[in-house]
Amino acid sequence: MVDDDQAILFVLQNIIEQNFNDEVVGMSTNPQQAQADIQFQDVDIVLADLLMPELSGIELINAIKAIKPNIHFIMISKVQDDELRTKAYQAGIEFFINKPINLIEVKSVIAKVEKSIQMSRQLLSISAMAKQFNEEDKPNKQISISEHANVILKSLGMAAELGSTDILKVIKIMNHTGEHYRNIDLTAQIGIDKHDKKIMVQRMRRAIRVGLINLTNQLIDNPDDEQAKHFANVLFGYENIHRQILYQQHNRSTGGRVIMQNFMDGLLDESQS
């Protein structure tokens, strides 16, 4: 934690260590010293004051990100200037904690960042498993379209969603008929009426929305992940992902759109490759 007011640091330390299973590994009133120390410490989250003498919080974050891009940042500030706050989000912070310090706000913000870290680690683990799955002896192991598609859904953190079962069912039909998603008559192929079709499509959309959010978080945390960038383009489109990134960084009022045809056609292409 970095703040030129030592009293603030002690307040935050007490809140964190009394309410979370976390350890405050360092506190400093000197941002330049903090920058040097963080290079040699195992740190998940950095809390930094926005306005500090000699080195601002934004400058500190930019310097740290150049060395350790996966660290998560929370900004502490009493400043309400929209332009400064926008610059902070652009630098890579996830949330603001306002001064004077409020116990409920601090607990809420840190809990959200911890959840984001946990999700990112799960996605990276699943992504590594998917890569290993794809790199196994392909000539000796035949993988069905549904199995391949399911691996991709798992890598996007979607497999537990109710709509993922529907997505796999439709992918199987698309593969069997050789048709694009827009040409599939779900009522005839699955034997459901229009009402049930509407509910099914809603489930699929909700699952794809979860995938969009998870993939965006993965790219925010690890922008050099080649597989994530590939799925971003093939399944959602870079423009949609870019909008979602801005939205999740609080720099845009609306996020990316779920385009069913793009996702389903892209998923089938990836599953067949």
Protein backbone atom coordinates (compact mmCIF):
# COMPACT_ATOMS: atom_id res chain seq x y z
CA MET A 1 0.00 0.00 0.00
CA VAL A 2 1.26 3.46 -0.89
CA ASP A 3 -0.08 6.71 0.57
CA ASP A 4 1.69 9.84 1.80
CA ASP A 5 -0.63 9.81 4.83
CA GLN A 6 0.61 7.08 7.18
CA ALA A 7 -2.64 7.14 9.16
CA ILE A 8 -4.53 6.02 6.04
CA LEU A 9 -2.12 3.10 5.63
CA PHE A 10 -2.70 1.89 9.19
CA VAL A 11 -6.48 2.14 8.80
CA LEU A 12 -6.39 0.10 5.59
CA GLN A 13 -4.03 -2.46 7.09
CA ASN A 14 -6.38 -3.03 10.02
CA ILE A 15 -9.40 -3.42 7.73
CA ILE A 16 -7.65 -5.86 5.39
CA GLU A 17 -6.00 -8.06 8.00
CA GLN A 18 -9.08 -8.19 10.25
CA ASN A 19 -11.59 -8.93 7.48
CA PHE A 20 -9.69 -10.93 4.85
CA ASN A 21 -7.37 -13.90 4.83
CA ASP A 22 -4.67 -11.63 3.40
CA GLU A 23 -1.38 -10.21 4.55
CA VAL A 24 -0.25 -6.65 3.95
CA VAL A 25 3.31 -7.30 2.73
CA GLY A 26 4.36 -3.66 2.68
CA MET A 27 3.34 -0.06 3.36
CA SER A 28 5.10 3.08 2.25
CA THR A 29 4.62 6.84 2.24
CA ASN A 30 7.29 7.11 -0.49
CA PRO A 31 6.03 6.03 -3.96
CA GLN A 32 9.53 5.75 -5.41
CA GLN A 33 10.61 3.43 -2.62
CA ALA A 34 7.39 1.45 -3.04
CA GLN A 35 8.12 1.03 -6.75
CA ALA A 36 11.55 -0.39 -5.95
CA ASP A 37 10.22 -2.70 -3.21
CA ILE A 38 7.36 -4.16 -5.30
CA GLN A 39 9.82 -5.49 -7.88
CA PHE A 40 11.08 -7.99 -5.31
CA GLN A 41 7.83 -8.87 -3.54
CA ASP A 42 5.09 -11.37 -4.34
CA VAL A 43 2.13 -8.98 -4.60
CA ASP A 44 -1.39 -9.56 -5.96
CA ILE A 45 -2.99 -6.18 -5.20
CA VAL A 46 -1.51 -2.70 -4.85
CA LEU A 47 -3.47 0.13 -3.20
CA ALA A 48 -2.06 3.52 -4.19
CA ASP A 49 -2.99 7.12 -3.46
CA LEU A 50 -3.87 9.15 -6.54
CA LEU A 51 -2.06 12.35 -5.60
CA MET A 52 1.37 12.03 -4.02
CA PRO A 53 4.43 14.29 -4.12
CA GLU A 54 7.21 13.49 -6.61
CA LEU A 55 5.37 10.52 -8.17
CA SER A 56 1.60 10.34 -8.70
CA GLY A 57 -0.40 7.18 -8.22
CA ILE A 58 -0.98 6.94 -11.98
CA GLU A 59 2.74 7.25 -12.71
CA LEU A 60 3.47 4.63 -10.05
CA ILE A 61 0.97 2.21 -11.59
CA ASN A 62 2.39 2.68 -15.09
CA ALA A 63 5.89 1.99 -13.78
CA ILE A 64 4.83 -1.15 -11.90
CA LYS A 65 2.75 -2.49 -14.79
CA ALA A 66 5.77 -2.28 -17.07
CA ILE A 67 7.51 -4.77 -14.76
CA LYS A 68 4.63 -6.81 -13.33
CA PRO A 69 1.62 -6.56 -15.68
CA ASN A 70 -0.56 -9.02 -13.74
CA ILE A 71 -0.78 -7.01 -10.52
CA HIS A 72 -4.25 -5.63 -9.71
CA PHE A 73 -4.57 -1.98 -8.66
CA ILE A 74 -6.99 -0.06 -6.42
CA MET A 75 -6.73 3.73 -6.29
CA ILE A 76 -7.27 5.69 -3.06
CA SER A 77 -8.42 9.28 -3.48
CA LYS A 78 -10.56 12.13 -2.25
CA VAL A 79 -10.39 13.73 -5.71
CA GLN A 80 -13.63 13.66 -7.69
CA ASP A 81 -12.18 15.06 -10.93
CA ASP A 82 -13.63 12.94 -13.78
CA GLU A 83 -10.64 13.48 -16.06
CA LEU A 84 -8.14 12.31 -13.45
CA ARG A 85 -10.29 9.30 -12.60
CA THR A 86 -10.57 8.38 -16.29
CA LYS A 87 -6.78 8.52 -16.60
CA ALA A 88 -6.50 6.22 -13.58
CA TYR A 89 -8.83 3.66 -15.15
CA GLN A 90 -6.90 3.90 -18.41
CA ALA A 91 -3.70 3.23 -16.47
CA GLY A 92 -5.20 -0.06 -15.31
CA ILE A 93 -6.86 0.40 -11.93
CA GLU A 94 -9.97 -1.66 -11.21
CA PHE A 95 -11.70 0.39 -8.51
CA PHE A 96 -11.48 3.60 -6.49
CA ILE A 97 -11.65 3.75 -2.69
CA ASN A 98 -12.76 7.20 -1.64
CA LYS A 99 -11.39 9.24 1.23
CA PRO A 100 -12.38 9.49 4.02
CA ILE A 101 -12.00 5.70 4.30
CA ASN A 102 -15.27 3.80 4.66
CA LEU A 103 -15.15 0.26 6.07
CA ILE A 104 -18.01 -1.08 3.93
CA GLU A 105 -16.57 0.36 0.72
CA VAL A 106 -13.08 -1.03 1.39
CA LYS A 107 -14.44 -4.52 2.15
CA SER A 108 -16.66 -4.48 -0.95
CA VAL A 109 -13.92 -3.31 -3.32
CA ILE A 110 -11.28 -5.74 -2.07
CA ALA A 111 -13.75 -8.64 -2.20
CA LYS A 112 -14.51 -7.82 -5.86
CA VAL A 113 -10.83 -7.65 -6.79
CA GLU A 114 -10.11 -10.94 -4.99
CA LYS A 115 -12.95 -12.56 -6.94
CA SER A 116 -11.50 -11.19 -10.19
CA ILE A 117 -8.07 -12.61 -9.30
CA GLN A 118 -9.57 -16.00 -8.52
CA MET A 119 -11.50 -16.03 -11.81
CA SER A 120 -8.39 -15.03 -13.77
CA ARG A 121 -6.38 -17.85 -12.24
CA GLN A 122 -9.13 -20.36 -13.01
CA LEU A 123 -9.32 -19.18 -16.61
CA LEU A 124 -5.55 -19.39 -17.04
CA SER A 125 -5.60 -22.92 -15.62
CA ILE A 126 -8.43 -23.96 -17.93
CA SER A 127 -6.69 -22.29 -20.87
CA ALA A 128 -3.53 -24.29 -20.15
CA MET A 129 -5.58 -27.49 -19.95
CA ALA A 130 -7.23 -26.68 -23.28
CA LYS A 131 -3.85 -26.14 -24.93
CA GLN A 132 -2.60 -29.43 -23.57
CA PHE A 133 -5.77 -31.14 -24.76
CA ASN A 134 -5.29 -29.78 -28.28
CA GLU A 135 -1.61 -30.69 -28.39
CA GLU A 136 -2.04 -34.36 -27.50
CA ASP A 137 -1.49 -37.01 -30.18
CA LYS A 138 -4.11 -35.93 -32.68
CA PRO A 139 -3.56 -38.82 -35.14
CA ASN A 140 -4.08 -41.36 -32.36
CA LYS A 141 -7.02 -39.72 -30.63
CA GLN A 142 -10.23 -38.76 -32.39
CA ILE A 143 -12.09 -35.98 -30.60
CA SER A 144 -15.77 -35.41 -31.36
CA ILE A 145 -17.05 -31.99 -32.36
CA SER A 146 -19.06 -31.79 -29.12
CA GLU A 147 -16.03 -32.69 -26.99
CA HIS A 148 -13.87 -30.10 -28.73
CA ALA A 149 -16.58 -27.45 -28.38
CA ASN A 150 -16.98 -28.31 -24.69
CA VAL A 151 -13.25 -27.79 -24.10
CA ILE A 152 -13.57 -24.31 -25.63
CA LEU A 153 -16.60 -23.50 -23.45
CA LYS A 154 -14.62 -24.61 -20.40
CA SER A 155 -11.73 -22.36 -21.39
CA LEU A 156 -14.22 -19.47 -21.44
CA GLY A 157 -15.62 -20.39 -18.01
CA MET A 158 -19.02 -21.16 -19.54
CA ALA A 159 -19.35 -24.93 -19.04
CA ALA A 160 -21.34 -24.63 -15.80
CA GLU A 161 -23.96 -22.35 -17.39
CA LEU A 162 -27.32 -23.93 -18.26
CA GLY A 163 -27.15 -22.56 -21.80
CA SER A 164 -23.91 -24.42 -22.54
CA THR A 165 -25.80 -27.71 -22.87
CA ASP A 166 -28.07 -26.04 -25.44
CA ILE A 167 -25.05 -24.61 -27.27
CA LEU A 168 -23.45 -28.05 -27.58
CA LYS A 169 -26.74 -29.52 -28.80
CA VAL A 170 -27.04 -26.88 -31.53
CA ILE A 171 -23.36 -27.24 -32.52
CA LYS A 172 -23.95 -30.96 -33.06
CA ILE A 173 -26.92 -30.19 -35.31
CA MET A 174 -24.96 -27.56 -37.26
CA ASN A 175 -22.13 -30.01 -37.81
CA HIS A 176 -24.51 -32.78 -38.89
CA THR A 177 -26.49 -30.59 -41.32
CA GLY A 178 -23.57 -28.48 -42.53
CA GLU A 179 -25.65 -25.33 -41.98
CA HIS A 180 -24.77 -21.98 -40.41
CA TYR A 181 -26.60 -21.04 -37.22
CA ARG A 182 -29.00 -18.65 -38.93
CA ASN A 183 -30.22 -21.46 -41.21
CA ILE A 184 -31.00 -23.93 -38.41
CA ASP A 185 -34.69 -24.42 -37.65
CA LEU A 186 -34.49 -25.22 -33.94
CA THR A 187 -38.20 -25.93 -33.58
CA ALA A 188 -38.00 -28.65 -36.24
CA GLN A 189 -34.54 -30.03 -35.45
CA ILE A 190 -35.04 -30.31 -31.69
CA GLY A 191 -38.80 -30.76 -31.64
CA ILE A 192 -39.75 -27.75 -29.53
CA ASP A 193 -42.37 -25.03 -29.92
CA LYS A 194 -41.67 -21.31 -30.38
CA HIS A 195 -42.00 -20.57 -26.67
CA ASP A 196 -39.47 -23.24 -25.69
CA LYS A 197 -37.17 -22.06 -28.48
CA LYS A 198 -37.26 -18.52 -27.07
CA ILE A 199 -36.35 -19.78 -23.59
CA MET A 200 -33.56 -21.93 -25.03
CA VAL A 201 -32.05 -19.04 -26.97
CA GLN A 202 -32.19 -16.85 -23.85
CA ARG A 203 -30.24 -19.50 -21.93
CA MET A 204 -27.67 -19.63 -24.71
CA ARG A 205 -27.35 -15.83 -24.76
CA ARG A 206 -26.81 -15.69 -20.99
CA ALA A 207 -24.08 -18.34 -21.23
CA ILE A 208 -22.35 -16.51 -24.08
CA ARG A 209 -22.53 -13.26 -22.09
CA VAL A 210 -20.68 -15.01 -19.24
CA GLY A 211 -18.05 -16.15 -21.75
CA LEU A 212 -17.68 -12.60 -23.06
CA ILE A 213 -17.15 -11.21 -19.55
CA ASN A 214 -14.69 -13.95 -18.55
CA LEU A 215 -12.65 -13.64 -21.75
CA THR A 216 -12.52 -9.87 -21.31
CA ASN A 217 -11.21 -10.28 -17.74
CA GLN A 218 -8.61 -12.70 -19.02
CA LEU A 219 -7.42 -10.21 -21.64
CA ILE A 220 -7.36 -7.35 -19.14
CA ASP A 221 -5.17 -9.42 -16.81
CA ASN A 222 -3.05 -11.03 -19.53
CA PRO A 223 -3.26 -9.04 -22.79
CA ASP A 224 -0.52 -11.19 -24.38
CA ASP A 225 -2.49 -14.46 -24.10
CA GLU A 226 -2.52 -15.57 -27.74
CA GLN A 227 -5.29 -18.13 -27.32
CA ALA A 228 -7.53 -15.59 -25.58
CA LYS A 229 -6.90 -13.06 -28.37
CA HIS A 230 -7.72 -15.74 -30.96
CA PHE A 231 -11.03 -16.62 -29.30
CA ALA A 232 -11.81 -12.90 -28.91
CA ASN A 233 -11.59 -12.43 -32.67
CA VAL A 234 -13.22 -15.70 -33.80
CA LEU A 235 -16.09 -15.89 -31.30
CA PHE A 236 -16.89 -12.30 -30.37
CA GLY A 237 -15.02 -9.93 -32.69
CA TYR A 238 -12.31 -7.54 -31.56
CA GLU A 239 -14.67 -4.55 -31.64
CA ASN A 240 -17.06 -6.21 -29.20
CA ILE A 241 -14.24 -7.24 -26.89
CA HIS A 242 -12.81 -3.72 -27.01
CA ARG A 243 -16.20 -2.27 -26.02
CA GLN A 244 -16.48 -4.78 -23.18
CA ILE A 245 -12.99 -3.95 -21.91
CA LEU A 246 -13.84 -0.24 -21.83
CA TYR A 247 -17.12 -1.04 -20.07
CA GLN A 248 -15.46 -3.22 -17.43
CA GLN A 249 -12.87 -0.50 -16.87
CA HIS A 250 -15.71 2.02 -16.36
CA ASN A 251 -14.75 4.00 -19.49
CA ARG A 252 -17.94 3.22 -21.43
CA SER A 253 -21.62 3.08 -20.48
CA THR A 254 -22.38 -0.10 -22.49
CA GLY A 255 -20.41 -3.28 -23.14
CA GLY A 256 -20.02 -5.63 -26.07
CA ARG A 257 -22.98 -7.32 -27.75
CA VAL A 258 -23.78 -11.02 -27.86
CA ILE A 259 -24.08 -11.92 -31.55
CA MET A 260 -25.38 -15.48 -31.62
CA GLN A 261 -24.55 -16.24 -35.24
CA ASN A 262 -20.94 -15.07 -34.92
CA PHE A 263 -20.36 -17.05 -31.75
CA MET A 264 -22.03 -20.26 -32.91
CA ASP A 265 -20.46 -20.26 -36.38
CA GLY A 266 -17.05 -19.44 -34.88
CA LEU A 267 -17.40 -22.16 -32.25
CA LEU A 268 -18.22 -24.76 -34.91
CA ASP A 269 -15.24 -23.71 -37.04
CA GLU A 270 -12.93 -23.97 -34.01
CA SER A 271 -14.39 -27.35 -33.04
CA GLN A 272 -13.84 -28.75 -36.51
CA SER A 273 -10.20 -27.61 -36.73
